């Protein structure tokens, strides 16, 4: 079990704070970056669909 650390309210400005391991924080940052990238691609795709810049293909062979 990980040790519990209490951070004084004076330091935190009245907010709740917690401490995590650096590798967990780095994994979260990577996940957040990937999620933001995916959401941006979805948004771009919806805009292209809205402006009829997409094509519909019944099979991948149609692209060859």
N, C-alpha and C. Protein backbone atom coordinates (compact mmCIF):
# COMPACT_ATOMS: atom_id res chain seq x y z
N UNK A 1 0.84 -1.18 0.00
CA UNK A 1 0.00 0.00 0.00
C UNK A 1 0.89 1.24 0.00
N UNK A 2 0.53 2.23 -0.81
CA UNK A 2 1.30 3.46 -0.92
C UNK A 2 1.08 4.33 0.31
N UNK A 3 2.12 5.06 0.70
CA UNK A 3 1.95 5.95 1.86
C UNK A 3 1.01 7.11 1.51
N UNK A 4 0.31 7.61 2.52
CA UNK A 4 -0.61 8.72 2.34
C UNK A 4 0.09 9.99 2.77
N UNK A 5 0.03 11.01 1.93
CA UNK A 5 0.67 12.28 2.22
C UNK A 5 -0.41 13.35 2.28
N UNK A 6 -0.40 14.14 3.35
CA UNK A 6 -1.35 15.23 3.48
C UNK A 6 -0.66 16.53 3.11
N UNK A 7 -1.26 17.29 2.21
CA UNK A 7 -0.69 18.55 1.78
C UNK A 7 -1.50 19.66 2.44
N UNK A 8 -0.84 20.57 3.16
CA UNK A 8 -1.56 21.63 3.86
C UNK A 8 -2.37 22.51 2.90
N UNK A 9 -3.52 23.00 3.38
CA UNK A 9 -4.37 23.85 2.55
C UNK A 9 -3.69 25.15 2.18
N UNK A 10 -2.77 25.62 3.00
CA UNK A 10 -2.04 26.85 2.68
C UNK A 10 -1.23 26.65 1.40
N UNK A 11 -0.64 25.50 1.23
CA UNK A 11 0.17 25.21 0.06
C UNK A 11 -0.71 24.99 -1.17
N UNK A 12 -1.82 24.31 -0.97
CA UNK A 12 -2.67 23.95 -2.10
C UNK A 12 -3.69 25.03 -2.45
N UNK A 13 -3.77 26.07 -1.68
CA UNK A 13 -4.75 27.12 -1.95
C UNK A 13 -6.18 26.68 -1.72
N UNK A 14 -6.36 25.74 -0.81
CA UNK A 14 -7.70 25.25 -0.49
C UNK A 14 -8.18 24.13 -1.40
N UNK A 15 -7.40 23.77 -2.41
CA UNK A 15 -7.78 22.70 -3.33
C UNK A 15 -7.30 21.35 -2.80
N UNK A 16 -7.97 20.29 -3.27
CA UNK A 16 -7.52 18.94 -2.96
C UNK A 16 -6.37 18.58 -3.88
N UNK A 17 -5.27 18.11 -3.33
CA UNK A 17 -4.13 17.68 -4.13
C UNK A 17 -3.80 16.23 -3.81
N UNK A 18 -3.20 15.55 -4.78
CA UNK A 18 -2.73 14.20 -4.53
C UNK A 18 -1.42 13.99 -5.25
N UNK A 19 -0.71 12.97 -4.85
CA UNK A 19 0.61 12.67 -5.39
C UNK A 19 0.54 11.33 -6.10
N UNK A 20 1.09 11.27 -7.32
CA UNK A 20 1.17 10.01 -8.05
C UNK A 20 2.60 9.80 -8.52
N UNK A 21 2.90 8.59 -8.91
CA UNK A 21 4.24 8.28 -9.40
C UNK A 21 4.44 8.92 -10.77
N UNK A 22 5.68 9.27 -11.05
CA UNK A 22 6.00 9.95 -12.30
C UNK A 22 5.63 9.11 -13.51
N UNK A 23 5.88 7.81 -13.48
CA UNK A 23 5.57 6.97 -14.64
C UNK A 23 4.07 6.90 -14.89
N UNK A 24 3.26 6.95 -13.83
CA UNK A 24 1.81 6.98 -14.02
C UNK A 24 1.38 8.30 -14.64
N UNK A 25 2.00 9.39 -14.21
CA UNK A 25 1.68 10.70 -14.77
C UNK A 25 2.08 10.77 -16.23
N UNK A 26 3.24 10.23 -16.58
CA UNK A 26 3.69 10.22 -17.97
C UNK A 26 2.76 9.39 -18.83
N UNK A 27 2.28 8.27 -18.32
CA UNK A 27 1.34 7.43 -19.07
C UNK A 27 0.03 8.20 -19.29
N UNK A 28 -0.42 8.93 -18.28
CA UNK A 28 -1.62 9.75 -18.41
C UNK A 28 -1.43 10.83 -19.46
N UNK A 29 -0.27 11.48 -19.46
CA UNK A 29 0.00 12.52 -20.45
C UNK A 29 0.00 11.96 -21.86
N UNK A 30 0.60 10.77 -22.06
CA UNK A 30 0.59 10.13 -23.38
C UNK A 30 -0.83 9.82 -23.81
N UNK A 31 -1.62 9.27 -22.88
CA UNK A 31 -3.00 8.93 -23.19
C UNK A 31 -3.79 10.19 -23.56
N UNK A 32 -3.61 11.27 -22.82
CA UNK A 32 -4.32 12.52 -23.08
C UNK A 32 -3.96 13.07 -24.46
N UNK A 33 -2.67 12.99 -24.82
CA UNK A 33 -2.24 13.46 -26.13
C UNK A 33 -2.88 12.63 -27.24
N UNK A 34 -2.88 11.32 -27.08
CA UNK A 34 -3.48 10.43 -28.08
C UNK A 34 -4.99 10.66 -28.18
N UNK A 35 -5.65 10.86 -27.05
CA UNK A 35 -7.10 11.10 -27.06
C UNK A 35 -7.42 12.42 -27.75
N UNK A 36 -6.66 13.45 -27.47
CA UNK A 36 -6.88 14.75 -28.12
C UNK A 36 -6.65 14.64 -29.63
N UNK A 37 -5.64 13.88 -30.03
CA UNK A 37 -5.37 13.68 -31.45
C UNK A 37 -6.54 12.96 -32.13
N UNK A 38 -7.04 11.92 -31.48
CA UNK A 38 -8.16 11.17 -32.04
C UNK A 38 -9.40 12.05 -32.15
N UNK A 39 -9.68 12.85 -31.13
CA UNK A 39 -10.84 13.74 -31.17
C UNK A 39 -10.71 14.79 -32.26
N UNK A 40 -9.51 15.29 -32.48
CA UNK A 40 -9.29 16.27 -33.55
C UNK A 40 -9.54 15.64 -34.91
N UNK A 41 -9.11 14.39 -35.09
CA UNK A 41 -9.34 13.70 -36.36
C UNK A 41 -10.82 13.44 -36.60
N UNK A 42 -11.54 13.09 -35.55
CA UNK A 42 -12.98 12.88 -35.68
C UNK A 42 -13.66 14.19 -36.05
N UNK A 43 -13.26 15.27 -35.40
CA UNK A 43 -13.85 16.58 -35.70
C UNK A 43 -13.59 16.97 -37.16
N UNK A 44 -12.35 16.76 -37.61
CA UNK A 44 -12.01 17.09 -38.99
C UNK A 44 -12.83 16.24 -39.96
N UNK A 45 -13.00 14.96 -39.64
CA UNK A 45 -13.79 14.07 -40.49
C UNK A 45 -15.25 14.48 -40.56
N UNK A 46 -15.80 14.90 -39.43
CA UNK A 46 -17.19 15.36 -39.43
C UNK A 46 -17.36 16.63 -40.26
N UNK A 47 -16.38 17.52 -40.17
CA UNK A 47 -16.44 18.74 -40.97
C UNK A 47 -16.36 18.42 -42.46
N UNK A 48 -15.47 17.51 -42.82
CA UNK A 48 -15.34 17.12 -44.23
C UNK A 48 -16.62 16.45 -44.72
N UNK A 49 -17.22 15.63 -43.88
CA UNK A 49 -18.48 14.97 -44.26
C UNK A 49 -19.58 16.01 -44.44
N UNK A 50 -19.61 16.98 -43.54
CA UNK A 50 -20.63 18.03 -43.59
C UNK A 50 -20.52 18.84 -44.88
N UNK A 51 -19.29 19.06 -45.36
CA UNK A 51 -19.07 19.84 -46.57
C UNK A 51 -18.94 18.96 -47.81
N UNK A 52 -19.35 17.69 -47.65
CA UNK A 52 -19.36 16.71 -48.75
C UNK A 52 -17.99 16.55 -49.41
N UNK A 53 -16.95 16.48 -48.59
CA UNK A 53 -15.60 16.26 -49.08
C UNK A 53 -15.16 14.81 -48.90
N UNK A 54 -16.10 13.95 -48.57
CA UNK A 54 -15.78 12.54 -48.36
C UNK A 54 -16.35 11.71 -49.49
N UNK A 55 -15.85 10.49 -49.63
CA UNK A 55 -16.38 9.57 -50.64
C UNK A 55 -16.86 8.32 -49.93
N UNK A 56 -17.79 7.64 -50.52
CA UNK A 56 -18.30 6.39 -49.99
C UNK A 56 -17.80 5.27 -50.88
N UNK A 57 -17.22 4.27 -50.26
CA UNK A 57 -16.69 3.14 -51.03
C UNK A 57 -17.34 1.86 -50.52
N UNK A 58 -17.77 1.05 -51.44
CA UNK A 58 -18.40 -0.21 -51.04
C UNK A 58 -17.33 -1.26 -50.71
N UNK A 59 -16.10 -1.08 -51.22
CA UNK A 59 -15.02 -2.00 -50.90
C UNK A 59 -13.68 -1.28 -51.05
N UNK A 60 -12.64 -1.80 -50.40
CA UNK A 60 -11.33 -1.17 -50.51
C UNK A 60 -10.75 -1.22 -51.92
N UNK A 61 -11.23 -2.15 -52.74
CA UNK A 61 -10.73 -2.25 -54.11
C UNK A 61 -11.06 -1.01 -54.93
N UNK A 62 -12.07 -0.30 -54.52
CA UNK A 62 -12.48 0.90 -55.24
C UNK A 62 -11.39 1.97 -55.22
N UNK A 63 -10.50 1.91 -54.25
CA UNK A 63 -9.43 2.91 -54.12
C UNK A 63 -8.23 2.59 -54.99
N UNK A 64 -8.16 1.41 -55.55
CA UNK A 64 -7.00 1.01 -56.33
C UNK A 64 -7.07 1.53 -57.72
